[in-house]
PDB file of N, CA and C in Angstrom:
ATOM      1  N   MET A   1     -90.721  36.865 123.583  1.00  0.00           N
ATOM      2  CA  MET A   1     -90.495  38.183 123.030  1.00  0.00           C
ATOM      3  C   MET A   1     -90.402  38.080 121.507  1.00  0.00           C
ATOM      4  N   GLN A   2     -91.042  38.988 120.843  1.00  0.00           N
ATOM      5  CA  GLN A   2     -91.006  38.996 119.391  1.00  0.00           C
ATOM      6  C   GLN A   2     -89.827  39.838 118.911  1.00  0.00           C
ATOM      7  N   ARG A   3     -89.067  39.313 117.960  1.00  0.00           N
ATOM      8  CA  ARG A   3     -87.902  40.004 117.424  1.00  0.00           C
ATOM      9  C   ARG A   3     -88.158  40.396 115.975  1.00  0.00           C
ATOM     10  N   GLU A   4     -87.577  41.520 115.583  1.00  0.00           N
ATOM     11  CA  GLU A   4     -87.777  42.094 114.251  1.00  0.00           C
ATOM     12  C   GLU A   4     -86.517  41.919 113.408  1.00  0.00           C
ATOM     13  N   TYR A   5     -86.696  41.483 112.146  1.00  0.00           N
ATOM     14  CA  TYR A   5     -85.573  41.208 111.261  1.00  0.00           C
ATOM     15  C   TYR A   5     -85.818  41.764 109.862  1.00  0.00           C
ATOM     16  N   TYR A   6     -84.707  41.997 109.155  1.00  0.00           N
ATOM     17  CA  TYR A   6     -84.715  42.254 107.718  1.00  0.00           C
ATOM     18  C   TYR A   6     -83.780  41.253 107.078  1.00  0.00           C
ATOM     19  N   ALA A   7     -84.215  40.640 105.995  1.00  0.00           N
ATOM     20  CA  ALA A   7     -83.357  39.758 105.215  1.00  0.00           C
ATOM     21  C   ALA A   7     -83.165  40.391 103.845  1.00  0.00           C
ATOM     22  N   THR A   8     -81.920  40.399 103.363  1.00  0.00           N
ATOM     23  CA  THR A   8     -81.628  40.905 102.025  1.00  0.00           C
ATOM     24  C   THR A   8     -81.150  39.743 101.163  1.00  0.00           C
ATOM     25  N   PHE A   9     -81.220  39.929  99.842  1.00  0.00           N
ATOM     26  CA  PHE A   9     -81.039  38.816  98.915  1.00  0.00           C
ATOM     27  C   PHE A   9     -80.207  39.205  97.709  1.00  0.00           C
ATOM     28  N   HIS A  10     -79.742  38.164  97.008  1.00  0.00           N
ATOM     29  CA  HIS A  10     -78.953  38.367  95.798  1.00  0.00           C
ATOM     30  C   HIS A  10     -79.843  38.691  94.593  1.00  0.00           C
ATOM     31  N   SER A  11     -81.100  38.242  94.633  1.00  0.00           N
ATOM     32  CA  SER A  11     -82.014  38.513  93.520  1.00  0.00           C
ATOM     33  C   SER A  11     -83.438  38.699  94.048  1.00  0.00           C
ATOM     34  N   HIS A  12     -84.265  39.326  93.221  1.00  0.00           N
ATOM     35  CA  HIS A  12     -85.663  39.542  93.579  1.00  0.00           C
ATOM     36  C   HIS A  12     -86.390  38.201  93.723  1.00  0.00           C
ATOM     37  N   PHE A  13     -86.081  37.246  92.846  1.00  0.00           N
ATOM     38  CA  PHE A  13     -86.683  35.918  92.920  1.00  0.00           C
ATOM     39  C   PHE A  13     -86.414  35.276  94.284  1.00  0.00           C
ATOM     40  N   ASP A  14     -85.168  35.411  94.781  1.00  0.00           N
ATOM     41  CA  ASP A  14     -84.818  34.847  96.088  1.00  0.00           C
ATOM     42  C   ASP A  14     -85.649  35.471  97.198  1.00  0.00           C
ATOM     43  N   ALA A  15     -85.864  36.780  97.119  1.00  0.00           N
ATOM     44  CA  ALA A  15     -86.674  37.473  98.130  1.00  0.00           C
ATOM     45  C   ALA A  15     -88.108  36.963  98.119  1.00  0.00           C
ATOM     46  N   ILE A  16     -88.662  36.774  96.932  1.00  0.00           N
ATOM     47  CA  ILE A  16     -90.041  36.279  96.815  1.00  0.00           C
ATOM     48  C   ILE A  16     -90.147  34.862  97.385  1.00  0.00           C
ATOM     49  N   ARG A  17     -89.193  34.003  97.082  1.00  0.00           N
ATOM     50  CA  ARG A  17     -89.239  32.628  97.593  1.00  0.00           C
ATOM     51  C   ARG A  17     -89.146  32.614  99.120  1.00  0.00           C
ATOM     52  N   PHE A  18     -88.222  33.400  99.695  1.00  0.00           N
ATOM     53  CA  PHE A  18     -88.065  33.469 101.150  1.00  0.00           C
ATOM     54  C   PHE A  18     -89.355  33.988 101.797  1.00  0.00           C
ATOM     55  N   HIS A  19     -89.953  35.016 101.201  1.00  0.00           N
ATOM     56  CA  HIS A  19     -91.208  35.573 101.710  1.00  0.00           C
ATOM     57  C   HIS A  19     -92.307  34.512 101.717  1.00  0.00           C
ATOM     58  N   ARG A  20     -92.425  33.762 100.640  1.00  0.00           N
ATOM     59  CA  ARG A  20     -93.437  32.697 100.563  1.00  0.00           C
ATOM     60  C   ARG A  20     -93.215  31.641 101.643  1.00  0.00           C
ATOM     61  N   GLU A  21     -91.958  31.261 101.855  1.00  0.00           N
ATOM     62  CA  GLU A  21     -91.654  30.250 102.873  1.00  0.00           C
ATOM     63  C   GLU A  21     -92.010  30.748 104.271  1.00  0.00           C
ATOM     64  N   LYS A  22     -91.721  32.012 104.570  1.00  0.00           N
ATOM     65  CA  LYS A  22     -92.053  32.574 105.882  1.00  0.00           C
ATOM     66  C   LYS A  22     -93.562  32.626 106.083  1.00  0.00           C
ATOM     67  N   THR A  23     -94.288  33.151 105.100  1.00  0.00           N
ATOM     68  CA  THR A  23     -95.739  33.272 105.264  1.00  0.00           C
ATOM     69  C   THR A  23     -96.405  31.899 105.318  1.00  0.00           C
ATOM     70  N   LYS A  24     -95.891  30.939 104.558  1.00  0.00           N
ATOM     71  CA  LYS A  24     -96.438  29.573 104.600  1.00  0.00           C
ATOM     72  C   LYS A  24     -96.245  28.957 105.983  1.00  0.00           C
ATOM     73  N   ALA A  25     -95.150  29.332 106.664  1.00  0.00           N
ATOM     74  CA  ALA A  25     -94.873  28.832 108.013  1.00  0.00           C
ATOM     75  C   ALA A  25     -95.625  29.620 109.087  1.00  0.00           C
ATOM     76  N   GLY A  26     -96.441  30.603 108.658  1.00  0.00           N
ATOM     77  CA  GLY A  26     -97.225  31.389 109.618  1.00  0.00           C
ATOM     78  C   GLY A  26     -96.445  32.512 110.280  1.00  0.00           C
ATOM     79  N   ILE A  27     -95.312  32.885 109.695  1.00  0.00           N
ATOM     80  CA  ILE A  27     -94.482  33.964 110.251  1.00  0.00           C
ATOM     81  C   ILE A  27     -94.832  35.250 109.521  1.00  0.00           C
ATOM     82  N   PRO A  28     -95.232  36.308 110.253  1.00  0.00           N
ATOM     83  CA  PRO A  28     -95.560  37.573 109.600  1.00  0.00           C
ATOM     84  C   PRO A  28     -94.350  38.105 108.828  1.00  0.00           C
ATOM     85  N   ALA A  29     -94.535  38.385 107.528  1.00  0.00           N
ATOM     86  CA  ALA A  29     -93.440  38.861 106.683  1.00  0.00           C
ATOM     87  C   ALA A  29     -93.983  39.747 105.578  1.00  0.00           C
ATOM     88  N   ASN A  30     -93.197  40.758 105.199  1.00  0.00           N
ATOM     89  CA  ASN A  30     -93.571  41.672 104.127  1.00  0.00           C
ATOM     90  C   ASN A  30     -92.397  41.884 103.192  1.00  0.00           C
ATOM     91  N   LEU A  31     -92.670  41.948 101.892  1.00  0.00           N
ATOM     92  CA  LEU A  31     -91.668  42.371 100.916  1.00  0.00           C
ATOM     93  C   LEU A  31     -91.642  43.888 100.914  1.00  0.00           C
ATOM     94  N   GLN A  32     -90.448  44.463 100.896  1.00  0.00           N
ATOM     95  CA  GLN A  32     -90.337  45.912 100.867  1.00  0.00           C
ATOM     96  C   GLN A  32     -88.950  46.316 100.385  1.00  0.00           C
ATOM     97  N   PRO A  33     -88.764  47.602 100.051  1.00  0.00           N
ATOM     98  CA  PRO A  33     -87.424  48.044  99.654  1.00  0.00           C
ATOM     99  C   PRO A  33     -86.439  47.884 100.814  1.00  0.00           C
ATOM    100  N   VAL A  34     -85.191  47.623 100.472  1.00  0.00           N
ATOM    101  CA  VAL A  34     -84.146  47.489 101.494  1.00  0.00           C
ATOM    102  C   VAL A  34     -83.938  48.844 102.159  1.00  0.00           C
ATOM    103  N   PRO A  35     -83.876  48.896 103.491  1.00  0.00           N
ATOM    104  CA  PRO A  35     -83.561  50.160 104.161  1.00  0.00           C
ATOM    105  C   PRO A  35     -82.238  50.733 103.637  1.00  0.00           C
ATOM    106  N   ARG A  36     -82.140  52.041 103.543  1.00  0.00           N
ATOM    107  CA  ARG A  36     -80.980  52.699 102.935  1.00  0.00           C
ATOM    108  C   ARG A  36     -79.647  52.315 103.565  1.00  0.00           C
ATOM    109  N   THR A  37     -79.631  52.063 104.855  1.00  0.00           N
ATOM    110  CA  THR A  37     -78.361  51.777 105.527  1.00  0.00           C
ATOM    111  C   THR A  37     -77.881  50.346 105.327  1.00  0.00           C
ATOM    112  N   LEU A  38     -78.710  49.508 104.722  1.00  0.00           N
ATOM    113  CA  LEU A  38     -78.312  48.127 104.420  1.00  0.00           C
ATOM    114  C   LEU A  38     -78.046  48.018 102.923  1.00  0.00           C
ATOM    115  N   SER A  39     -77.053  47.249 102.557  1.00  0.00           N
ATOM    116  CA  SER A  39     -76.802  47.054 101.132  1.00  0.00           C
ATOM    117  C   SER A  39     -77.524  45.801 100.659  1.00  0.00           C
ATOM    118  N   SER A  40     -77.824  45.781  99.386  1.00  0.00           N
ATOM    119  CA  SER A  40     -78.482  44.608  98.826  1.00  0.00           C
ATOM    120  C   SER A  40     -78.235  44.564  97.330  1.00  0.00           C
ATOM    121  N   SER A  41     -78.076  43.379  96.815  1.00  0.00           N
ATOM    122  CA  SER A  41     -77.859  43.212  95.379  1.00  0.00           C
ATOM    123  C   SER A  41     -79.109  43.532  94.577  1.00  0.00           C
ATOM    124  N   CYS A  42     -80.282  43.194  95.118  1.00  0.00           N
ATOM    125  CA  CYS A  42     -81.506  43.339  94.322  1.00  0.00           C
ATOM    126  C   CYS A  42     -82.399  44.492  94.763  1.00  0.00           C
ATOM    127  N   GLY A  43     -82.198  45.034  95.961  1.00  0.00           N
ATOM    128  CA  GLY A  43     -83.010  46.147  96.422  1.00  0.00           C
ATOM    129  C   GLY A  43     -84.303  45.751  97.113  1.00  0.00           C
ATOM    130  N   THR A  44     -84.582  44.443  97.214  1.00  0.00           N
ATOM    131  CA  THR A  44     -85.796  43.969  97.874  1.00  0.00           C
ATOM    132  C   THR A  44     -85.424  43.236  99.155  1.00  0.00           C
ATOM    133  N   ALA A  45     -86.137  43.555 100.219  1.00  0.00           N
ATOM    134  CA  ALA A  45     -85.913  42.908 101.513  1.00  0.00           C
ATOM    135  C   ALA A  45     -87.195  42.244 101.974  1.00  0.00           C
ATOM    136  N   VAL A  46     -87.039  41.296 102.902  1.00  0.00           N
ATOM    137  CA  VAL A  46     -88.183  40.730 103.596  1.00  0.00           C
ATOM    138  C   VAL A  46     -88.072  41.179 105.045  1.00  0.00           C
ATOM    139  N   HIS A  47     -89.092  41.875 105.499  1.00  0.00           N
ATOM    140  CA  HIS A  47     -89.186  42.361 106.875  1.00  0.00           C
ATOM    141  C   HIS A  47     -90.073  41.358 107.601  1.00  0.00           C
ATOM    142  N   PHE A  48     -89.525  40.724 108.653  1.00  0.00           N
ATOM    143  CA  PHE A  48     -90.304  39.688 109.327  1.00  0.00           C
ATOM    144  C   PHE A  48     -90.058  39.708 110.829  1.00  0.00           C
ATOM    145  N   PHE A  49     -90.928  39.013 111.536  1.00  0.00           N
ATOM    146  CA  PHE A  49     -90.894  38.949 112.993  1.00  0.00           C
ATOM    147  C   PHE A  49     -90.914  37.484 113.410  1.00  0.00           C
ATOM    148  N   GLU A  50     -90.118  37.137 114.425  1.00  0.00           N
ATOM    149  CA  GLU A  50     -90.140  35.780 114.973  1.00  0.00           C
ATOM    150  C   GLU A  50     -90.098  35.853 116.488  1.00  0.00           C
ATOM    151  N   GLU A  51     -90.720  34.865 117.098  1.00  0.00           N
ATOM    152  CA  GLU A  51     -90.718  34.753 118.553  1.00  0.00           C
ATOM    153  C   GLU A  51     -89.424  34.101 119.019  1.00  0.00           C
ATOM    154  N   ASP A  52     -89.002  34.414 120.262  1.00  0.00           N
ATOM    155  CA  ASP A  52     -87.852  33.746 120.862  1.00  0.00           C
ATOM    156  C   ASP A  52     -88.097  32.246 120.889  1.00  0.00           C
ATOM    157  N   ARG A  53     -87.016  31.487 120.863  1.00  0.00           N
ATOM    158  CA  ARG A  53     -87.127  30.022 120.943  1.00  0.00           C
ATOM    159  C   ARG A  53     -87.326  29.601 122.381  1.00  0.00           C
ATOM    160  N   GLU A  54     -88.332  28.806 122.567  1.00  0.00           N
ATOM    161  CA  GLU A  54     -88.660  28.210 123.861  1.00  0.00           C
ATOM    162  C   GLU A  54     -88.684  29.287 124.948  1.00  0.00           C
ATOM    163  N   GLU A  55     -88.338  28.894 126.143  1.00  0.00           N
ATOM    164  CA  GLU A  55     -88.339  29.816 127.276  1.00  0.00           C
ATOM    165  C   GLU A  55     -86.958  30.404 127.539  1.00  0.00           C
ATOM    166  N   SER A  56     -85.985  30.046 126.697  1.00  0.00           N
ATOM    167  CA  SER A  56     -84.618  30.505 126.926  1.00  0.00           C
ATOM    168  C   SER A  56     -84.452  31.991 126.625  1.00  0.00           C
ATOM    169  N   GLY A  57     -85.367  32.536 125.834  1.00  0.00           N
ATOM    170  CA  GLY A  57     -85.269  33.946 125.491  1.00  0.00           C
ATOM    171  C   GLY A  57     -84.197  34.241 124.455  1.00  0.00           C
ATOM    172  N   THR A  58     -83.699  33.203 123.774  1.00  0.00           N
ATOM    173  CA  THR A  58     -82.674  33.441 122.765  1.00  0.00           C
ATOM    174  C   THR A  58     -83.312  33.705 121.416  1.00  0.00           C
ATOM    175  N   SER A  59     -82.605  34.432 120.607  1.00  0.00           N
ATOM    176  CA  SER A  59     -83.063  34.761 119.274  1.00  0.00           C
ATOM    177  C   SER A  59     -83.270  33.496 118.452  1.00  0.00           C
ATOM    178  N   PRO A  60     -84.290  33.460 117.592  1.00  0.00           N
ATOM    179  CA  PRO A  60     -84.482  32.306 116.723  1.00  0.00           C
ATOM    180  C   PRO A  60     -83.260  32.077 115.833  1.00  0.00           C
ATOM    181  N   LEU A  61     -82.518  33.131 115.556  1.00  0.00           N
ATOM    182  CA  LEU A  61     -81.367  33.020 114.674  1.00  0.00           C
ATOM    183  C   LEU A  61     -80.080  32.724 115.439  1.00  0.00           C
ATOM    184  N   ALA A  62     -80.174  32.503 116.753  1.00  0.00           N
ATOM    185  CA  ALA A  62     -78.990  32.169 117.538  1.00  0.00           C
ATOM    186  C   ALA A  62     -78.534  30.753 117.241  1.00  0.00           C
ATOM    187  N   TYR A  63     -79.403  29.965 116.657  1.00  0.00           N
ATOM    188  CA  TYR A  63     -79.082  28.598 116.295  1.00  0.00           C
ATOM    189  C   TYR A  63     -78.557  28.584 114.871  1.00  0.00           C
ATOM    190  N   PRO A  64     -77.851  27.532 114.471  1.00  0.00           N
ATOM    191  CA  PRO A  64     -77.313  27.498 113.107  1.00  0.00           C
ATOM    192  C   PRO A  64     -78.415  27.712 112.075  1.00  0.00           C
ATOM    193  N   LEU A  65     -78.154  28.581 111.143  1.00  0.00           N
ATOM    194  CA  LEU A  65     -79.104  28.899 110.090  1.00  0.00           C
ATOM    195  C   LEU A  65     -78.675  28.201 108.819  1.00  0.00           C
ATOM    196  N   THR A  66     -79.594  27.516 108.191  1.00  0.00           N
ATOM    197  CA  THR A  66     -79.281  26.894 106.917  1.00  0.00           C
ATOM    198  C   THR A  66     -79.925  27.709 105.812  1.00  0.00           C
ATOM    199  N   ASP A  67     -79.250  27.780 104.697  1.00  0.00           N
ATOM    200  CA  ASP A  67     -79.741  28.503 103.531  1.00  0.00           C
ATOM    201  C   ASP A  67     -79.667  27.546 102.340  1.00  0.00           C
ATOM    202  N   PRO A  68     -80.621  26.602 102.275  1.00  0.00           N
ATOM    203  CA  PRO A  68     -80.529  25.538 101.268  1.00  0.00           C
ATOM    204  C   PRO A  68     -80.550  26.044  99.828  1.00  0.00           C
ATOM    205  N   HIS A  69     -81.128  27.206  99.594  1.00  0.00           N
ATOM    206  CA  HIS A  69     -81.223  27.728  98.236  1.00  0.00           C
ATOM    207  C   HIS A  69     -80.078  28.696  97.918  1.00  0.00           C
ATOM    208  N   GLY A  70     -79.273  29.060  98.923  1.00  0.00           N
ATOM    209  CA  GLY A  70     -78.193  30.022  98.715  1.00  0.00           C
ATOM    210  C   GLY A  70     -78.719  31.394  98.349  1.00  0.00           C
ATOM    211  N   GLU A  71     -79.877  31.749  98.902  1.00  0.00           N
ATOM    212  CA  GLU A  71     -80.553  32.971  98.490  1.00  0.00           C
ATOM    213  C   GLU A  71     -80.310  34.171  99.400  1.00  0.00           C
ATOM    214  N   ILE A  72     -79.944  33.932 100.634  1.00  0.00           N
ATOM    215  CA  ILE A  72     -79.867  35.019 101.606  1.00  0.00           C
ATOM    216  C   ILE A  72     -78.518  35.726 101.528  1.00  0.00           C
ATOM    217  N   GLU A  73     -78.552  37.037 101.391  1.00  0.00           N
ATOM    218  CA  GLU A  73     -77.335  37.847 101.430  1.00  0.00           C
ATOM    219  C   GLU A  73     -76.952  38.117 102.884  1.00  0.00           C
ATOM    220  N   GLN A  74     -77.944  38.586 103.660  1.00  0.00           N
ATOM    221  CA  GLN A  74     -77.735  38.795 105.090  1.00  0.00           C
ATOM    222  C   GLN A  74     -79.074  38.907 105.804  1.00  0.00           C
ATOM    223  N   ILE A  75     -79.041  38.662 107.115  1.00  0.00           N
ATOM    224  CA  ILE A  75     -80.201  38.892 107.970  1.00  0.00           C
ATOM    225  C   ILE A  75     -79.722  39.774 109.116  1.00  0.00           C
ATOM    226  N   VAL A  76     -80.458  40.850 109.347  1.00  0.00           N
ATOM    227  CA  VAL A  76     -80.142  41.736 110.457  1.00  0.00           C
ATOM    228  C   VAL A  76     -81.325  41.797 111.401  1.00  0.00           C
ATOM    229  N   GLU A  77     -81.028  41.977 112.685  1.00  0.00           N
ATOM    230  CA  GLU A  77     -82.065  42.165 113.688  1.00  0.00           C
ATOM    231  C   GLU A  77     -82.107  43.638 114.057  1.00  0.00           C
ATOM    232  N   VAL A  78     -83.303  44.163 114.247  1.00  0.00           N
ATOM    233  CA  VAL A  78     -83.461  45.542 114.692  1.00  0.00           C
ATOM    234  C   VAL A  78     -83.405  45.538 116.218  1.00  0.00           C
ATOM    235  N   VAL A  79     -82.363  46.170 116.769  1.00  0.00           N
ATOM    236  CA  VAL A  79     -82.163  46.239 118.214  1.00  0.00           C
ATOM    237  C   VAL A  79     -81.951  47.704 118.575  1.00  0.00           C
ATOM    238  N   GLU A  80     -82.888  48.259 119.323  1.00  0.00           N
ATOM    239  CA  GLU A  80     -82.822  49.665 119.743  1.00  0.00           C
ATOM    240  C   GLU A  80     -82.573  50.590 118.557  1.00  0.00           C
ATOM    241  N   ASN A  81     -83.354  50.397 117.490  1.00  0.00           N
ATOM    242  CA  ASN A  81     -83.295  51.212 116.279  1.00  0.00           C
ATOM    243  C   ASN A  81     -81.973  51.122 115.535  1.00  0.00           C
ATOM    244  N   LYS A  82     -81.219  50.051 115.748  1.00  0.00           N
ATOM    245  CA  LYS A  82     -79.976  49.805 115.019  1.00  0.00           C
ATOM    246  C   LYS A  82     -80.049  48.413 114.419  1.00  0.00           C
ATOM    247  N   TYR A  83     -79.256  48.179 113.370  1.00  0.00           N
ATOM    248  CA  TYR A  83     -79.226  46.884 112.717  1.00  0.00           C
ATOM    249  C   TYR A  83     -78.028  46.083 113.218  1.00  0.00           C
ATOM    250  N   VAL A  84     -78.302  44.873 113.702  1.00  0.00           N
ATOM    251  CA  VAL A  84     -77.266  43.964 114.177  1.00  0.00           C
ATOM    252  C   VAL A  84     -77.249  42.757 113.248  1.00  0.00           C
ATOM    253  N   VAL A  85     -76.130  42.502 112.592  1.00  0.00           N
ATOM    254  CA  VAL A  85     -76.035  41.394 111.647  1.00  0.00           C
ATOM    255  C   VAL A  85     -76.105  40.077 112.418  1.00  0.00           C
ATOM    256  N   ARG A  86     -77.057  39.233 112.022  1.00  0.00           N
ATOM    257  CA  ARG A  86     -77.232  37.918 112.652  1.00  0.00           C
ATOM    258  C   ARG A  86     -76.798  36.791 111.721  1.00  0.00           C
ATOM    259  N   TYR A  87     -76.757  37.080 110.425  1.00  0.00           N
ATOM    260  CA  TYR A  87     -76.301  36.094 109.448  1.00  0.00           C
ATOM    261  C   TYR A  87     -75.764  36.851 108.245  1.00  0.00           C
ATOM    262  N   LYS A  88     -74.645  36.401 107.708  1.00  0.00           N
ATOM    263  CA  LYS A  88     -74.086  36.983 106.493  1.00  0.00           C
ATOM    264  C   LYS A  88     -73.550  35.845 105.635  1.00  0.00           C
ATOM    265  N   ALA A  89     -73.937  35.828 104.372  1.00  0.00           N
ATOM    266  CA  ALA A  89     -73.498  34.771 103.463  1.00  0.00           C
ATOM    267  C   ALA A  89     -72.000  34.863 103.260  1.00  0.00           C
ATOM    268  N   GLU A  90     -71.391  33.692 103.111  1.00  0.00           N
ATOM    269  CA  GLU A  90     -69.970  33.662 102.807  1.00  0.00           C
ATOM    270  C   GLU A  90     -69.768  34.061 101.354  1.00  0.00           C
ATOM    271  N   ASP A  91     -68.672  34.740 101.093  1.00  0.00           N
ATOM    272  CA  ASP A  91     -68.385  35.186  99.709  1.00  0.00           C
ATOM    273  C   ASP A  91     -68.031  34.069  98.801  1.00  0.00           C
TER     274      ASP A  91
END
Protein backbone atom coordinates (compact mmCIF):
# COMPACT_ATOMS: atom_id res chain seq x y z
CA MET A 1 0.00 0.00 0.00
CA GLN A 2 1.28 3.43 -0.87
CA ARG A 3 1.22 6.03 1.91
CA GLU A 4 1.13 9.81 1.52
CA TYR A 5 3.28 12.17 3.62
CA TYR A 6 4.20 15.82 4.07
CA ALA A 7 7.52 16.82 5.59
CA THR A 8 8.10 20.34 6.91
CA PHE A 9 11.46 21.97 7.57
CA HIS A 10 13.32 24.65 9.47
CA SER A 11 14.66 26.24 6.27
CA HIS A 12 14.06 26.24 2.53
CA PHE A 13 17.55 24.79 1.98
CA ASP A 14 16.62 21.80 4.19
CA ALA A 15 13.48 21.19 2.14
CA ILE A 16 15.46 21.23 -1.11
CA ARG A 17 18.06 18.79 0.24
CA PHE A 18 15.37 16.38 1.53
CA HIS A 19 13.56 16.58 -1.83
CA ARG A 20 16.77 15.76 -3.71
CA GLU A 21 17.47 12.78 -1.44
CA LYS A 22 13.95 11.39 -1.95
CA THR A 23 13.99 11.78 -5.73
CA LYS A 24 17.52 10.33 -5.95
CA ALA A 25 16.21 7.27 -4.06
CA GLY A 26 13.39 6.93 -6.63
CA ILE A 27 10.66 8.09 -4.24
CA PRO A 28 8.05 10.36 -5.85
CA ALA A 29 8.33 13.78 -4.14
CA ASN A 30 7.32 17.38 -4.85
CA LEU A 31 8.28 20.70 -3.29
CA GLN A 32 5.20 22.76 -2.47
CA PRO A 33 3.81 25.27 0.02
CA VAL A 34 3.03 23.86 3.47
CA PRO A 35 -0.68 23.07 3.86
CA ARG A 36 -2.39 25.76 5.97
CA THR A 37 -3.20 23.44 8.86
CA LEU A 38 0.46 22.50 9.34
CA SER A 39 2.99 24.92 10.76
CA SER A 40 6.41 25.38 9.28
CA SER A 41 9.36 27.66 9.85
CA CYS A 42 10.12 28.13 6.15
CA GLY A 43 6.76 27.61 4.42
CA THR A 44 8.06 24.88 2.08
CA ALA A 45 7.03 21.24 2.36
CA VAL A 46 7.96 18.05 0.57
CA HIS A 47 4.92 15.99 -0.42
CA PHE A 48 5.97 12.39 -0.98
CA PHE A 49 4.70 8.83 -1.20
CA GLU A 50 6.27 5.61 0.13
CA GLU A 51 5.29 1.98 -0.05
CA ASP A 52 4.68 -0.11 3.08
CA ARG A 53 7.72 -2.01 4.32
CA GLU A 54 7.83 -5.62 3.27
CA GLU A 55 4.64 -7.63 3.60
CA SER A 56 3.94 -6.48 7.15
CA GLY A 57 1.84 -3.58 5.93
CA THR A 58 3.50 -1.19 8.37
CA SER A 59 4.27 2.39 7.56
CA PRO A 60 7.81 3.09 6.32
CA LEU A 61 8.04 5.61 9.16
CA ALA A 62 7.04 3.06 11.82
CA TYR A 63 10.72 2.25 12.14
CA PRO A 64 13.19 4.61 13.82
CA LEU A 65 13.76 7.65 11.65
CA THR A 66 17.14 9.27 11.53
CA ASP A 67 17.62 12.90 10.62
CA PRO A 68 21.38 13.18 10.09
CA HIS A 69 21.20 16.78 8.89
CA GLY A 70 18.76 17.97 11.60
CA GLU A 71 16.58 19.37 8.84
CA ILE A 72 13.15 17.89 9.44
CA GLU A 73 10.65 19.84 11.54
CA GLN A 74 7.94 17.18 11.27
CA ILE A 75 6.53 14.47 9.02
CA VAL A 76 2.81 13.84 8.85
CA GLU A 77 0.90 11.08 7.12
CA VAL A 78 -2.37 11.79 5.34
CA VAL A 79 -4.93 9.35 6.77
CA GLU A 80 -8.58 9.74 5.74
CA ASN A 81 -8.01 13.41 4.82
CA LYS A 82 -6.43 14.18 8.20
CA TYR A 83 -2.81 14.72 9.19
CA VAL A 84 -1.28 12.23 11.64
CA VAL A 85 2.13 13.21 13.04
CA ARG A 86 4.63 10.40 12.41
CA TYR A 87 7.79 12.29 13.36
CA LYS A 88 8.43 15.54 15.22
CA ALA A 89 11.85 17.04 15.90
CA GLU A 90 12.84 17.49 19.49
CA ASP A 91 13.07 21.10 20.63
